[in-house]
Full PDB file with SEQRES, HELIX, SHEET, SSBOND, CRYST1, ORIGX, SCALE, CONECT and MASTER records, all heavy atoms in Angstrom:
SEQRES   1 A   33  MET ALA GLU SER LEU GLU GLY ALA ASN ASN ASP LEU MET          
SEQRES   2 A   33  VAL CYS LEU GLU LEU TYR HIS SER PHE GLY PHE SER TYR          
SEQRES   3 A   33  LYS ASP VAL LYS LEU PRO VAL                                  
HELIX    1 AA1 GLU A    6  LEU A   16  1                                  11    
HELIX    2 AA2 TYR A   26  ASP A   28  5                                   3    
CRYST1    1.000    1.000    1.000  90.00  90.00  90.00 P 1           1          
ORIGX1      1.000000  0.000000  0.000000        0.00000                         
ORIGX2      0.000000  1.000000  0.000000        0.00000                         
ORIGX3      0.000000  0.000000  1.000000        0.00000                         
SCALE1      1.000000  0.000000  0.000000        0.00000                         
SCALE2      0.000000  1.000000  0.000000        0.00000                         
SCALE3      0.000000  0.000000  1.000000        0.00000                         
ATOM      1  N   MET A   1       0.824  -1.208   0.000  1.00  0.00           N  
ATOM      2  CA  MET A   1       0.000   0.000   0.000  1.00  0.00           C  
ATOM      3  C   MET A   1       0.861   1.262   0.000  1.00  0.00           C  
ATOM      4  O   MET A   1       0.438   2.309  -0.463  1.00  0.00           O  
ATOM      5  CB  MET A   1      -0.929  -0.002   1.211  1.00  0.00           C  
ATOM      6  CG  MET A   1      -1.921  -1.163   1.246  1.00  0.00           C  
ATOM      7  SD  MET A   1      -2.965  -1.258  -0.226  1.00  0.00           S  
ATOM      8  CE  MET A   1      -3.958   0.212  -0.014  1.00  0.00           C  
ATOM      9  N   ALA A   2       2.088   1.167   0.540  1.00  0.00           N  
ATOM     10  CA  ALA A   2       2.986   2.318   0.577  1.00  0.00           C  
ATOM     11  C   ALA A   2       3.538   2.638  -0.807  1.00  0.00           C  
ATOM     12  O   ALA A   2       3.939   3.775  -1.064  1.00  0.00           O  
ATOM     13  CB  ALA A   2       4.132   2.064   1.545  1.00  0.00           C  
ATOM     14  N   GLU A   3       3.560   1.648  -1.688  1.00  0.00           N  
ATOM     15  CA  GLU A   3       4.045   1.884  -3.048  1.00  0.00           C  
ATOM     16  C   GLU A   3       2.842   2.036  -3.982  1.00  0.00           C  
ATOM     17  O   GLU A   3       1.866   2.675  -3.610  1.00  0.00           O  
ATOM     18  CB  GLU A   3       4.986   0.746  -3.462  1.00  0.00           C  
ATOM     19  CG  GLU A   3       6.262   0.733  -2.619  1.00  0.00           C  
ATOM     20  CD  GLU A   3       7.264  -0.304  -3.053  1.00  0.00           C  
ATOM     21  OE1 GLU A   3       7.145  -0.853  -4.161  1.00  0.00           O  
ATOM     22  OE2 GLU A   3       8.186  -0.583  -2.270  1.00  0.00           O  
ATOM     23  N   SER A   4       2.876   1.468  -5.149  1.00  0.00           N  
ATOM     24  CA  SER A   4       1.800   1.703  -6.118  1.00  0.00           C  
ATOM     25  C   SER A   4       0.973   0.445  -6.355  1.00  0.00           C  
ATOM     26  O   SER A   4       1.523  -0.650  -6.480  1.00  0.00           O  
ATOM     27  CB  SER A   4       2.378   2.174  -7.454  1.00  0.00           C  
ATOM     28  OG  SER A   4       1.353   2.282  -8.422  1.00  0.00           O  
ATOM     29  N   LEU A   5      -0.336   0.621  -6.410  1.00  0.00           N  
ATOM     30  CA  LEU A   5      -1.242  -0.460  -6.777  1.00  0.00           C  
ATOM     31  C   LEU A   5      -1.980  -0.150  -8.075  1.00  0.00           C  
ATOM     32  O   LEU A   5      -2.901  -0.848  -8.453  1.00  0.00           O  
ATOM     33  CB  LEU A   5      -2.267  -0.702  -5.659  1.00  0.00           C  
ATOM     34  CG  LEU A   5      -1.868  -1.720  -4.592  1.00  0.00           C  
ATOM     35  CD1 LEU A   5      -2.923  -1.783  -3.514  1.00  0.00           C  
ATOM     36  CD2 LEU A   5      -1.660  -3.092  -5.201  1.00  0.00           C  
ATOM     37  N   GLU A   6      -1.551   0.928  -8.738  1.00  0.00           N  
ATOM     38  CA  GLU A   6      -2.226   1.315  -9.968  1.00  0.00           C  
ATOM     39  C   GLU A   6      -2.193   0.201 -11.001  1.00  0.00           C  
ATOM     40  O   GLU A   6      -3.138  -0.002 -11.760  1.00  0.00           O  
ATOM     41  CB  GLU A   6      -1.571   2.578 -10.542  1.00  0.00           C  
ATOM     42  CG  GLU A   6      -2.286   3.132 -11.768  1.00  0.00           C  
ATOM     43  CD  GLU A   6      -1.635   4.397 -12.275  1.00  0.00           C  
ATOM     44  OE1 GLU A   6      -0.756   4.935 -11.562  1.00  0.00           O  
ATOM     45  OE2 GLU A   6      -1.985   4.851 -13.376  1.00  0.00           O  
ATOM     46  N   GLY A   7      -1.090  -0.537 -11.008  1.00  0.00           N  
ATOM     47  CA  GLY A   7      -0.964  -1.620 -11.976  1.00  0.00           C  
ATOM     48  C   GLY A   7      -1.918  -2.766 -11.740  1.00  0.00           C  
ATOM     49  O   GLY A   7      -2.149  -3.584 -12.634  1.00  0.00           O  
ATOM     50  N   ALA A   8      -2.487  -2.850 -10.512  1.00  0.00           N  
ATOM     51  CA  ALA A   8      -3.481  -3.884 -10.256  1.00  0.00           C  
ATOM     52  C   ALA A   8      -4.671  -3.702 -11.180  1.00  0.00           C  
ATOM     53  O   ALA A   8      -5.308  -4.670 -11.610  1.00  0.00           O  
ATOM     54  CB  ALA A   8      -3.926  -3.846  -8.796  1.00  0.00           C  
ATOM     55  N   ASN A   9      -4.973  -2.451 -11.508  1.00  0.00           N  
ATOM     56  CA  ASN A   9      -6.063  -2.183 -12.447  1.00  0.00           C  
ATOM     57  C   ASN A   9      -5.726  -2.713 -13.838  1.00  0.00           C  
ATOM     58  O   ASN A   9      -6.599  -3.229 -14.534  1.00  0.00           O  
ATOM     59  CB  ASN A   9      -6.333  -0.668 -12.520  1.00  0.00           C  
ATOM     60  CG  ASN A   9      -6.825  -0.109 -11.199  1.00  0.00           C  
ATOM     61  OD1 ASN A   9      -7.631  -0.731 -10.517  1.00  0.00           O  
ATOM     62  ND2 ASN A   9      -6.316   1.038 -10.826  1.00  0.00           N  
ATOM     63  N   ASN A  10      -4.455  -2.562 -14.237  1.00  0.00           N  
ATOM     64  CA  ASN A  10      -4.040  -3.088 -15.535  1.00  0.00           C  
ATOM     65  C   ASN A  10      -4.220  -4.600 -15.587  1.00  0.00           C  
ATOM     66  O   ASN A  10      -4.691  -5.153 -16.584  1.00  0.00           O  
ATOM     67  CB  ASN A  10      -2.578  -2.733 -15.811  1.00  0.00           C  
ATOM     68  CG  ASN A  10      -2.365  -1.254 -16.035  1.00  0.00           C  
ATOM     69  OD1 ASN A  10      -3.312  -0.479 -16.059  1.00  0.00           O  
ATOM     70  ND2 ASN A  10      -1.126  -0.861 -16.185  1.00  0.00           N  
ATOM     71  N   ASP A  11      -3.806  -5.276 -14.493  1.00  0.00           N  
ATOM     72  CA  ASP A  11      -3.996  -6.728 -14.424  1.00  0.00           C  
ATOM     73  C   ASP A  11      -5.464  -7.088 -14.541  1.00  0.00           C  
ATOM     74  O   ASP A  11      -5.840  -8.049 -15.219  1.00  0.00           O  
ATOM     75  CB  ASP A  11      -3.454  -7.274 -13.093  1.00  0.00           C  
ATOM     76  CG  ASP A  11      -1.967  -7.576 -13.148  1.00  0.00           C  
ATOM     77  OD1 ASP A  11      -1.416  -7.627 -14.265  1.00  0.00           O  
ATOM     78  OD2 ASP A  11      -1.370  -7.780 -12.087  1.00  0.00           O  
ATOM     79  N   LEU A  12      -6.294  -6.313 -13.860  1.00  0.00           N  
ATOM     80  CA  LEU A  12      -7.723  -6.586 -13.869  1.00  0.00           C  
ATOM     81  C   LEU A  12      -8.299  -6.420 -15.271  1.00  0.00           C  
ATOM     82  O   LEU A  12      -9.116  -7.228 -15.723  1.00  0.00           O  
ATOM     83  CB  LEU A  12      -8.429  -5.655 -12.887  1.00  0.00           C  
ATOM     84  CG  LEU A  12      -9.863  -6.006 -12.510  1.00  0.00           C  
ATOM     85  CD1 LEU A  12      -9.953  -7.411 -11.945  1.00  0.00           C  
ATOM     86  CD2 LEU A  12     -10.417  -4.992 -11.517  1.00  0.00           C  
ATOM     87  N   MET A  13      -7.853  -5.379 -15.958  1.00  0.00           N  
ATOM     88  CA  MET A  13      -8.326  -5.162 -17.326  1.00  0.00           C  
ATOM     89  C   MET A  13      -7.893  -6.302 -18.250  1.00  0.00           C  
ATOM     90  O   MET A  13      -8.632  -6.709 -19.143  1.00  0.00           O  
ATOM     91  CB  MET A  13      -7.794  -3.822 -17.873  1.00  0.00           C  
ATOM     92  CG  MET A  13      -8.223  -2.586 -17.100  1.00  0.00           C  
ATOM     93  SD  MET A  13     -10.008  -2.349 -17.001  1.00  0.00           S  
ATOM     94  CE  MET A  13     -10.294  -2.760 -15.271  1.00  0.00           C  
ATOM     95  N   VAL A  14      -6.667  -6.817 -18.013  1.00  0.00           N  
ATOM     96  CA  VAL A  14      -6.182  -7.951 -18.813  1.00  0.00           C  
ATOM     97  C   VAL A  14      -7.012  -9.191 -18.530  1.00  0.00           C  
ATOM     98  O   VAL A  14      -7.453  -9.895 -19.449  1.00  0.00           O  
ATOM     99  CB  VAL A  14      -4.689  -8.226 -18.520  1.00  0.00           C  
ATOM    100  CG1 VAL A  14      -4.262  -9.561 -19.109  1.00  0.00           C  
ATOM    101  CG2 VAL A  14      -3.817  -7.120 -19.104  1.00  0.00           C  
ATOM    102  N   CYS A  15      -7.236  -9.474 -17.248  1.00  0.00           N  
ATOM    103  CA  CYS A  15      -8.002 -10.666 -16.871  1.00  0.00           C  
ATOM    104  C   CYS A  15      -9.407 -10.655 -17.466  1.00  0.00           C  
ATOM    105  O   CYS A  15      -9.912 -11.681 -17.919  1.00  0.00           O  
ATOM    106  CB  CYS A  15      -8.097 -10.778 -15.356  1.00  0.00           C  
ATOM    107  SG  CYS A  15      -6.557 -11.209 -14.541  1.00  0.00           S  
ATOM    108  N   LEU A  16     -10.027  -9.477 -17.434  1.00  0.00           N  
ATOM    109  CA  LEU A  16     -11.411  -9.365 -17.912  1.00  0.00           C  
ATOM    110  C   LEU A  16     -11.485  -9.093 -19.410  1.00  0.00           C  
ATOM    111  O   LEU A  16     -12.586  -9.049 -19.966  1.00  0.00           O  
ATOM    112  CB  LEU A  16     -12.135  -8.253 -17.144  1.00  0.00           C  
ATOM    113  CG  LEU A  16     -12.159  -8.419 -15.622  1.00  0.00           C  
ATOM    114  CD1 LEU A  16     -12.915  -7.270 -14.978  1.00  0.00           C  
ATOM    115  CD2 LEU A  16     -12.778  -9.743 -15.242  1.00  0.00           C  
ATOM    116  N   GLU A  17     -10.312  -8.887 -20.029  1.00  0.00           N  
ATOM    117  CA  GLU A  17     -10.240  -8.639 -21.475  1.00  0.00           C  
ATOM    118  C   GLU A  17     -11.170  -7.495 -21.881  1.00  0.00           C  
ATOM    119  O   GLU A  17     -11.876  -7.559 -22.890  1.00  0.00           O  
ATOM    120  CB  GLU A  17     -10.584  -9.921 -22.246  1.00  0.00           C  
ATOM    121  CG  GLU A  17      -9.684 -11.102 -21.876  1.00  0.00           C  
ATOM    122  CD  GLU A  17     -10.119 -12.402 -22.515  1.00  0.00           C  
ATOM    123  OE1 GLU A  17      -9.987 -12.522 -23.741  1.00  0.00           O  
ATOM    124  OE2 GLU A  17     -10.580 -13.301 -21.771  1.00  0.00           O  
ATOM    125  N   LEU A  18     -11.157  -6.415 -21.090  1.00  0.00           N  
ATOM    126  CA  LEU A  18     -12.066  -5.299 -21.332  1.00  0.00           C  
ATOM    127  C   LEU A  18     -11.614  -4.422 -22.498  1.00  0.00           C  
ATOM    128  O   LEU A  18     -12.439  -3.855 -23.207  1.00  0.00           O  
ATOM    129  CB  LEU A  18     -12.196  -4.447 -20.071  1.00  0.00           C  
ATOM    130  CG  LEU A  18     -12.968  -5.103 -18.926  1.00  0.00           C  
ATOM    131  CD1 LEU A  18     -13.072  -4.154 -17.737  1.00  0.00           C  
ATOM    132  CD2 LEU A  18     -14.374  -5.502 -19.381  1.00  0.00           C  
ATOM    133  N   TYR A  19     -10.302  -4.276 -22.688  1.00  0.00           N  
ATOM    134  CA  TYR A  19      -9.808  -3.450 -23.787  1.00  0.00           C  
ATOM    135  C   TYR A  19      -9.453  -4.283 -25.009  1.00  0.00           C  
ATOM    136  O   TYR A  19      -9.626  -3.847 -26.136  1.00  0.00           O  
ATOM    137  CB  TYR A  19      -8.584  -2.643 -23.327  1.00  0.00           C  
ATOM    138  CG  TYR A  19      -8.927  -1.574 -22.334  1.00  0.00           C  
ATOM    139  CD1 TYR A  19      -8.419  -1.619 -21.041  1.00  0.00           C  
ATOM    140  CD2 TYR A  19      -9.773  -0.519 -22.667  1.00  0.00           C  
ATOM    141  CE1 TYR A  19      -8.727  -0.637 -20.109  1.00  0.00           C  
ATOM    142  CE2 TYR A  19     -10.089   0.466 -21.747  1.00  0.00           C  
ATOM    143  CZ  TYR A  19      -9.566   0.400 -20.470  1.00  0.00           C  
ATOM    144  OH  TYR A  19      -9.884   1.371 -19.547  1.00  0.00           O  
ATOM    145  N   HIS A  20      -8.944  -5.473 -24.780  1.00  0.00           N  
ATOM    146  CA  HIS A  20      -8.576  -6.371 -25.869  1.00  0.00           C  
ATOM    147  C   HIS A  20      -8.369  -7.761 -25.290  1.00  0.00           C  
ATOM    148  O   HIS A  20      -8.293  -7.944 -24.066  1.00  0.00           O  
ATOM    149  CB  HIS A  20      -7.305  -5.895 -26.584  1.00  0.00           C  
ATOM    150  CG  HIS A  20      -6.297  -5.271 -25.672  1.00  0.00           C  
ATOM    151  ND1 HIS A  20      -5.673  -5.970 -24.670  1.00  0.00           N  
ATOM    152  CD2 HIS A  20      -5.840  -3.999 -25.593  1.00  0.00           C  
ATOM    153  CE1 HIS A  20      -4.856  -5.160 -24.017  1.00  0.00           C  
ATOM    154  NE2 HIS A  20      -4.935  -3.963 -24.547  1.00  0.00           N  
ATOM    155  N   SER A  21      -8.242  -8.739 -26.148  1.00  0.00           N  
ATOM    156  CA  SER A  21      -8.030 -10.115 -25.704  1.00  0.00           C  
ATOM    157  C   SER A  21      -6.586 -10.290 -25.239  1.00  0.00           C  
ATOM    158  O   SER A  21      -5.771  -9.369 -25.330  1.00  0.00           O  
ATOM    159  CB  SER A  21      -8.328 -11.091 -26.841  1.00  0.00           C  
ATOM    160  OG  SER A  21      -7.387 -10.924 -27.891  1.00  0.00           O  
ATOM    161  N   PHE A  22      -6.263 -11.474 -24.740  1.00  0.00           N  
ATOM    162  CA  PHE A  22      -4.894 -11.760 -24.310  1.00  0.00           C  
ATOM    163  C   PHE A  22      -3.900 -11.536 -25.442  1.00  0.00           C  
ATOM    164  O   PHE A  22      -2.739 -11.246 -25.213  1.00  0.00           O  
ATOM    165  CB  PHE A  22      -4.766 -13.211 -23.830  1.00  0.00           C  
ATOM    166  CG  PHE A  22      -5.522 -13.512 -22.560  1.00  0.00           C  
ATOM    167  CD1 PHE A  22      -5.696 -14.826 -22.148  1.00  0.00           C  
ATOM    168  CD2 PHE A  22      -6.045 -12.506 -21.774  1.00  0.00           C  
ATOM    169  CE1 PHE A  22      -6.380 -15.128 -20.984  1.00  0.00           C  
ATOM    170  CE2 PHE A  22      -6.735 -12.781 -20.607  1.00  0.00           C  
ATOM    171  CZ  PHE A  22      -6.906 -14.101 -20.208  1.00  0.00           C  
ATOM    172  N   GLY A  23      -4.346 -11.700 -26.671  1.00  0.00           N  
ATOM    173  CA  GLY A  23      -3.447 -11.604 -27.818  1.00  0.00           C  
ATOM    174  C   GLY A  23      -2.954 -12.959 -28.291  1.00  0.00           C  
ATOM    175  O   GLY A  23      -2.214 -13.052 -29.262  1.00  0.00           O  
ATOM    176  N   PHE A  24      -3.368 -14.001 -27.591  1.00  0.00           N  
ATOM    177  CA  PHE A  24      -3.004 -15.370 -27.962  1.00  0.00           C  
ATOM    178  C   PHE A  24      -3.925 -16.305 -27.201  1.00  0.00           C  
ATOM    179  O   PHE A  24      -4.648 -15.902 -26.284  1.00  0.00           O  
ATOM    180  CB  PHE A  24      -1.544 -15.666 -27.616  1.00  0.00           C  
ATOM    181  CG  PHE A  24      -1.273 -15.724 -26.136  1.00  0.00           C  
ATOM    182  CD1 PHE A  24      -1.187 -16.941 -25.472  1.00  0.00           C  
ATOM    183  CD2 PHE A  24      -1.113 -14.555 -25.390  1.00  0.00           C  
ATOM    184  CE1 PHE A  24      -0.947 -17.001 -24.107  1.00  0.00           C  
ATOM    185  CE2 PHE A  24      -0.877 -14.602 -24.021  1.00  0.00           C  
ATOM    186  CZ  PHE A  24      -0.792 -15.827 -23.385  1.00  0.00           C  
ATOM    187  N   SER A  25      -3.907 -17.566 -27.590  1.00  0.00           N  
ATOM    188  CA  SER A  25      -4.666 -18.585 -26.881  1.00  0.00           C  
ATOM    189  C   SER A  25      -3.704 -19.526 -26.165  1.00  0.00           C  
ATOM    190  O   SER A  25      -2.605 -19.791 -26.667  1.00  0.00           O  
ATOM    191  CB  SER A  25      -5.541 -19.382 -27.853  1.00  0.00           C  
ATOM    192  OG  SER A  25      -6.108 -20.523 -27.213  1.00  0.00           O  
ATOM    193  N   TYR A  26      -4.103 -20.016 -25.017  1.00  0.00           N  
ATOM    194  CA  TYR A  26      -3.268 -21.003 -24.330  1.00  0.00           C  
ATOM    195  C   TYR A  26      -2.979 -22.202 -25.234  1.00  0.00           C  
ATOM    196  O   TYR A  26      -1.940 -22.855 -25.094  1.00  0.00           O  
ATOM    197  CB  TYR A  26      -3.968 -21.493 -23.065  1.00  0.00           C  
ATOM    198  CG  TYR A  26      -3.943 -20.512 -21.899  1.00  0.00           C  
ATOM    199  CD1 TYR A  26      -4.546 -20.833 -20.689  1.00  0.00           C  
ATOM    200  CD2 TYR A  26      -3.312 -19.272 -21.991  1.00  0.00           C  
ATOM    201  CE1 TYR A  26      -4.530 -19.960 -19.611  1.00  0.00           C  
ATOM    202  CE2 TYR A  26      -3.292 -18.396 -20.930  1.00  0.00           C  
ATOM    203  CZ  TYR A  26      -3.908 -18.742 -19.732  1.00  0.00           C  
ATOM    204  OH  TYR A  26      -3.886 -17.880 -18.660  1.00  0.00           O  
ATOM    205  N   LYS A  27      -3.889 -22.480 -26.142  1.00  0.00           N  
ATOM    206  CA  LYS A  27      -3.707 -23.612 -27.051  1.00  0.00           C  
ATOM    207  C   LYS A  27      -2.532 -23.398 -27.999  1.00  0.00           C  
ATOM    208  O   LYS A  27      -2.043 -24.360 -28.604  1.00  0.00           O  
ATOM    209  CB  LYS A  27      -4.988 -23.861 -27.851  1.00  0.00           C  
ATOM    210  CG  LYS A  27      -6.151 -24.353 -27.011  1.00  0.00           C  
ATOM    211  CD  LYS A  27      -7.353 -24.729 -27.855  1.00  0.00           C  
ATOM    212  CE  LYS A  27      -7.999 -23.516 -28.482  1.00  0.00           C  
ATOM    213  NZ  LYS A  27      -9.245 -23.869 -29.208  1.00  0.00           N  
ATOM    214  N   ASP A  28      -2.084 -22.144 -28.134  1.00  0.00           N  
ATOM    215  CA  ASP A  28      -0.940 -21.857 -29.004  1.00  0.00           C  
ATOM    216  C   ASP A  28       0.387 -22.299 -28.374  1.00  0.00           C  
ATOM    217  O   ASP A  28       1.398 -22.415 -29.069  1.00  0.00           O  
ATOM    218  CB  ASP A  28      -0.862 -20.356 -29.301  1.00  0.00           C  
ATOM    219  CG  ASP A  28      -2.088 -19.850 -30.047  1.00  0.00           C  
ATOM    220  OD1 ASP A  28      -2.717 -20.659 -30.760  1.00  0.00           O  
ATOM    221  OD2 ASP A  28      -2.420 -18.655 -29.905  1.00  0.00           O  
ATOM    222  N   VAL A  29       0.391 -22.513 -27.071  1.00  0.00           N  
ATOM    223  CA  VAL A  29       1.621 -22.884 -26.357  1.00  0.00           C  
ATOM    224  C   VAL A  29       1.899 -24.366 -26.579  1.00  0.00           C  
ATOM    225  O   VAL A  29       1.068 -25.219 -26.272  1.00  0.00           O  
ATOM    226  CB  VAL A  29       1.493 -22.573 -24.857  1.00  0.00           C  
ATOM    227  CG1 VAL A  29       2.726 -23.070 -24.107  1.00  0.00           C  
ATOM    228  CG2 VAL A  29       1.307 -21.074 -24.645  1.00  0.00           C  
ATOM    229  N   LYS A  30       3.072 -24.672 -27.099  1.00  0.00           N  
ATOM    230  CA  LYS A  30       3.441 -26.058 -27.435  1.00  0.00           C  
ATOM    231  C   LYS A  30       4.354 -26.702 -26.396  1.00  0.00           C  
ATOM    232  O   LYS A  30       4.627 -27.894 -26.479  1.00  0.00           O  
ATOM    233  CB  LYS A  30       4.120 -26.094 -28.806  1.00  0.00           C  
ATOM    234  CG  LYS A  30       3.304 -25.430 -29.922  1.00  0.00           C  
ATOM    235  CD  LYS A  30       1.893 -26.006 -30.019  1.00  0.00           C  
ATOM    236  CE  LYS A  30       1.097 -25.327 -31.132  1.00  0.00           C  
ATOM    237  NZ  LYS A  30      -0.315 -25.806 -31.157  1.00  0.00           N  
ATOM    238  N   LEU A  31       4.850 -25.933 -25.451  1.00  0.00           N  
ATOM    239  CA  LEU A  31       5.685 -26.494 -24.403  1.00  0.00           C  
ATOM    240  C   LEU A  31       4.848 -27.311 -23.421  1.00  0.00           C  
ATOM    241  O   LEU A  31       3.643 -27.080 -23.291  1.00  0.00           O  
ATOM    242  CB  LEU A  31       6.398 -25.371 -23.648  1.00  0.00           C  
ATOM    243  CG  LEU A  31       7.499 -24.615 -24.383  1.00  0.00           C  
ATOM    244  CD1 LEU A  31       7.944 -23.412 -23.562  1.00  0.00           C  
ATOM    245  CD2 LEU A  31       8.685 -25.533 -24.662  1.00  0.00           C  
ATOM    246  N   PRO A  32       5.457 -28.245 -22.699  1.00  0.00           N  
ATOM    247  CA  PRO A  32       4.717 -28.959 -21.649  1.00  0.00           C  
ATOM    248  C   PRO A  32       4.257 -27.985 -20.567  1.00  0.00           C  
ATOM    249  O   PRO A  32       4.994 -27.070 -20.192  1.00  0.00           O  
ATOM    250  CB  PRO A  32       5.744 -29.953 -21.098  1.00  0.00           C  
ATOM    251  CG  PRO A  32       6.802 -30.060 -22.143  1.00  0.00           C  
ATOM    252  CD  PRO A  32       6.838 -28.739 -22.843  1.00  0.00           C  
ATOM    253  N   VAL A  33       3.049 -28.181 -20.080  1.00  0.00           N  
ATOM    254  CA  VAL A  33       2.471 -27.328 -19.036  1.00  0.00           C  
ATOM    255  C   VAL A  33       1.990 -28.222 -17.897  1.00  0.00           C  
ATOM    256  O   VAL A  33       1.340 -29.241 -18.144  1.00  0.00           O  
ATOM    257  CB  VAL A  33       1.299 -26.495 -19.572  1.00  0.00           C  
ATOM    258  CG1 VAL A  33       0.658 -25.666 -18.451  1.00  0.00           C  
ATOM    259  CG2 VAL A  33       1.752 -25.582 -20.716  1.00  0.00           C  
TER     260      VAL A  33                                                      
MASTER        0    0    0    2    0    0    0    6  259    1    0    3          
END                                                                             
C-alpha cells in the first residue's frame, strides 16, 4: 500500500479482457504445461 497499486487495475483489465483479448490462446503454447 505504501508503493503503487495502480498496476493492479491493468492486471484486472487484462483478466477481464475489457480493452482487448490476451493476444493469444493457451492452445498456441506447445511447451509442456
